Amino acid sequence: MRSIVLLAAASLALAACGTNKFDDDPLYDAGFSDGCATGTARTPGTPVSKAVRDQNLWDESEAYRVGWKGGYGACSPGGRGDTPGGDRDIGGR
């Protein structure tokens, strides 16, 4: 029983290392790149004026959306409370 608990704990720890179900999806990579471009284009403390985003992919691909949000969060200077695409701004649904 103890070994099962240790195995489960180790599995959870490894799962938290940043992998996701879209790691091998090229649309995730495209979204990450576009999100990062948007994040690096903004000045700290200001909202994004225009997102770099493929609206068709945003509407159709979960991998693209997850990648975009990840790229924006990774490359944005400052807080994450104003993440575009949070379905409140820049044409989000």
C-alpha atoms as a PDB file:
ATOM      1  CA  MET A   1       0.000   0.000   0.000  1.00  0.00           C
ATOM      2  CA  ARG A   2       2.790   2.404   0.893  1.00  0.00           C
ATOM      3  CA  SER A   3       4.495   1.820  -2.455  1.00  0.00           C
ATOM      4  CA  ILE A   4       1.258   2.638  -4.290  1.00  0.00           C
ATOM      5  CA  VAL A   5       0.964   5.936  -2.420  1.00  0.00           C
ATOM      6  CA  LEU A   6       4.598   6.791  -3.209  1.00  0.00           C
ATOM      7  CA  LEU A   7       4.115   5.887  -6.859  1.00  0.00           C
ATOM      8  CA  ALA A   8       0.996   8.056  -7.069  1.00  0.00           C
ATOM      9  CA  ALA A   9       2.780  10.977  -5.415  1.00  0.00           C
ATOM     10  CA  ALA A  10       5.735  10.658  -7.788  1.00  0.00           C
ATOM     11  CA  SER A  11       3.401  10.540 -10.792  1.00  0.00           C
ATOM     12  CA  LEU A  12       1.615  13.704  -9.679  1.00  0.00           C
ATOM     13  CA  ALA A  13       4.921  15.480  -9.103  1.00  0.00           C
ATOM     14  CA  LEU A  14       6.118  14.615 -12.590  1.00  0.00           C
ATOM     15  CA  ALA A  15       2.816  15.619 -14.134  1.00  0.00           C
ATOM     16  CA  ALA A  16       3.191  19.083 -12.620  1.00  0.00           C
ATOM     17  CA  CYS A  17       6.474  19.660 -14.452  1.00  0.00           C
ATOM     18  CA  GLY A  18       4.812  21.587 -17.255  1.00  0.00           C
ATOM     19  CA  THR A  19       3.686  18.990 -19.743  1.00  0.00           C
ATOM     20  CA  ASN A  20       0.254  19.185 -21.286  1.00  0.00           C
ATOM     21  CA  LYS A  21      -1.774  17.247 -23.794  1.00  0.00           C
ATOM     22  CA  PHE A  22      -0.800  19.658 -26.572  1.00  0.00           C
ATOM     23  CA  ASP A  23       2.994  19.402 -26.296  1.00  0.00           C
ATOM     24  CA  ASP A  24       3.338  17.742 -29.712  1.00  0.00           C
ATOM     25  CA  ASP A  25       0.647  19.780 -31.454  1.00  0.00           C
ATOM     26  CA  PRO A  26       1.962  22.341 -33.990  1.00  0.00           C
ATOM     27  CA  LEU A  27      -1.102  24.523 -33.356  1.00  0.00           C
ATOM     28  CA  TYR A  28      -0.060  24.810 -29.704  1.00  0.00           C
ATOM     29  CA  ASP A  29       3.363  26.000 -30.860  1.00  0.00           C
ATOM     30  CA  ALA A  30       1.793  28.519 -33.256  1.00  0.00           C
ATOM     31  CA  GLY A  31      -0.461  29.821 -30.500  1.00  0.00           C
ATOM     32  CA  PHE A  32       2.435  30.064 -28.053  1.00  0.00           C
ATOM     33  CA  SER A  33       4.452  32.042 -30.586  1.00  0.00           C
ATOM     34  CA  ASP A  34       1.573  34.461 -31.296  1.00  0.00           C
ATOM     35  CA  GLY A  35       0.802  34.882 -27.592  1.00  0.00           C
ATOM     36  CA  CYS A  36       4.433  35.560 -26.827  1.00  0.00           C
ATOM     37  CA  ALA A  37       4.594  38.146 -29.633  1.00  0.00           C
ATOM     38  CA  THR A  38       1.570  39.869 -28.091  1.00  0.00           C
ATOM     39  CA  GLY A  39       3.047  39.750 -24.595  1.00  0.00           C
ATOM     40  CA  THR A  40       6.405  41.188 -25.588  1.00  0.00           C
ATOM     41  CA  ALA A  41       4.767  43.984 -27.594  1.00  0.00           C
ATOM     42  CA  ARG A  42       3.044  45.534 -24.593  1.00  0.00           C
ATOM     43  CA  THR A  43       4.388  47.954 -22.026  1.00  0.00           C
ATOM     44  CA  PRO A  44       4.111  46.908 -18.357  1.00  0.00           C
ATOM     45  CA  GLY A  45       0.917  48.178 -16.784  1.00  0.00           C
ATOM     46  CA  THR A  46      -0.869  48.872 -20.048  1.00  0.00           C
ATOM     47  CA  PRO A  47      -3.487  46.831 -21.857  1.00  0.00           C
ATOM     48  CA  VAL A  48      -2.730  45.187 -25.176  1.00  0.00           C
ATOM     49  CA  SER A  49      -3.734  47.409 -28.076  1.00  0.00           C
ATOM     50  CA  LYS A  50      -3.797  44.669 -30.725  1.00  0.00           C
ATOM     51  CA  ALA A  51      -3.277  40.975 -30.159  1.00  0.00           C
ATOM     52  CA  VAL A  52      -1.192  38.897 -32.541  1.00  0.00           C
ATOM     53  CA  ARG A  53      -3.701  36.135 -33.043  1.00  0.00           C
ATOM     54  CA  ASP A  54      -5.156  34.012 -35.830  1.00  0.00           C
ATOM     55  CA  GLN A  55      -8.848  34.445 -35.148  1.00  0.00           C
ATOM     56  CA  ASN A  56      -9.863  31.348 -37.126  1.00  0.00           C
ATOM     57  CA  LEU A  57      -7.485  29.138 -35.150  1.00  0.00           C
ATOM     58  CA  TRP A  58      -8.553  30.846 -31.918  1.00  0.00           C
ATOM     59  CA  ASP A  59     -12.180  29.985 -32.656  1.00  0.00           C
ATOM     60  CA  GLU A  60     -11.533  26.406 -33.786  1.00  0.00           C
ATOM     61  CA  SER A  61      -8.510  25.021 -31.918  1.00  0.00           C
ATOM     62  CA  GLU A  62      -8.219  24.429 -28.206  1.00  0.00           C
ATOM     63  CA  ALA A  63      -4.507  23.699 -28.689  1.00  0.00           C
ATOM     64  CA  TYR A  64      -3.983  27.126 -30.281  1.00  0.00           C
ATOM     65  CA  ARG A  65      -5.908  28.899 -27.487  1.00  0.00           C
ATOM     66  CA  VAL A  66      -4.007  27.070 -24.724  1.00  0.00           C
ATOM     67  CA  GLY A  67      -0.693  27.775 -26.467  1.00  0.00           C
ATOM     68  CA  TRP A  68      -1.570  31.441 -27.007  1.00  0.00           C
ATOM     69  CA  LYS A  69      -2.468  31.981 -23.366  1.00  0.00           C
ATOM     70  CA  GLY A  70       0.677  30.143 -22.272  1.00  0.00           C
ATOM     71  CA  GLY A  71       2.873  32.224 -24.579  1.00  0.00           C
ATOM     72  CA  TYR A  72       1.261  35.455 -23.473  1.00  0.00           C
ATOM     73  CA  GLY A  73       1.724  34.576 -19.815  1.00  0.00           C
ATOM     74  CA  ALA A  74       5.329  33.522 -20.331  1.00  0.00           C
ATOM     75  CA  CYS A  75       6.346  36.621 -22.298  1.00  0.00           C
ATOM     76  CA  SER A  76       4.159  39.378 -20.860  1.00  0.00           C
ATOM     77  CA  PRO A  77       5.909  41.946 -18.670  1.00  0.00           C
ATOM     78  CA  GLY A  78       3.986  42.306 -15.439  1.00  0.00           C
ATOM     79  CA  GLY A  79       0.701  40.998 -14.151  1.00  0.00           C
ATOM     80  CA  ARG A  80      -1.496  38.376 -15.746  1.00  0.00           C
ATOM     81  CA  GLY A  81      -4.846  39.823 -14.714  1.00  0.00           C
ATOM     82  CA  ASP A  82      -5.444  41.438 -18.087  1.00  0.00           C
ATOM     83  CA  THR A  83      -4.722  38.455 -20.319  1.00  0.00           C
ATOM     84  CA  PRO A  84      -6.292  39.135 -23.694  1.00  0.00           C
ATOM     85  CA  GLY A  85      -8.399  36.276 -24.897  1.00  0.00           C
ATOM     86  CA  GLY A  86      -9.821  35.828 -21.445  1.00  0.00           C
ATOM     87  CA  ASP A  87     -13.059  36.175 -23.366  1.00  0.00           C
ATOM     88  CA  ARG A  88     -13.532  39.753 -22.223  1.00  0.00           C
ATOM     89  CA  ASP A  89     -11.485  41.773 -24.699  1.00  0.00           C
ATOM     90  CA  ILE A  90      -9.980  41.935 -28.171  1.00  0.00           C
ATOM     91  CA  GLY A  91     -12.815  40.022 -29.754  1.00  0.00           C
ATOM     92  CA  GLY A  92     -12.776  37.109 -27.326  1.00  0.00           C
ATOM     93  CA  ARG A  93     -15.866  34.938 -27.227  1.00  0.00           C
END
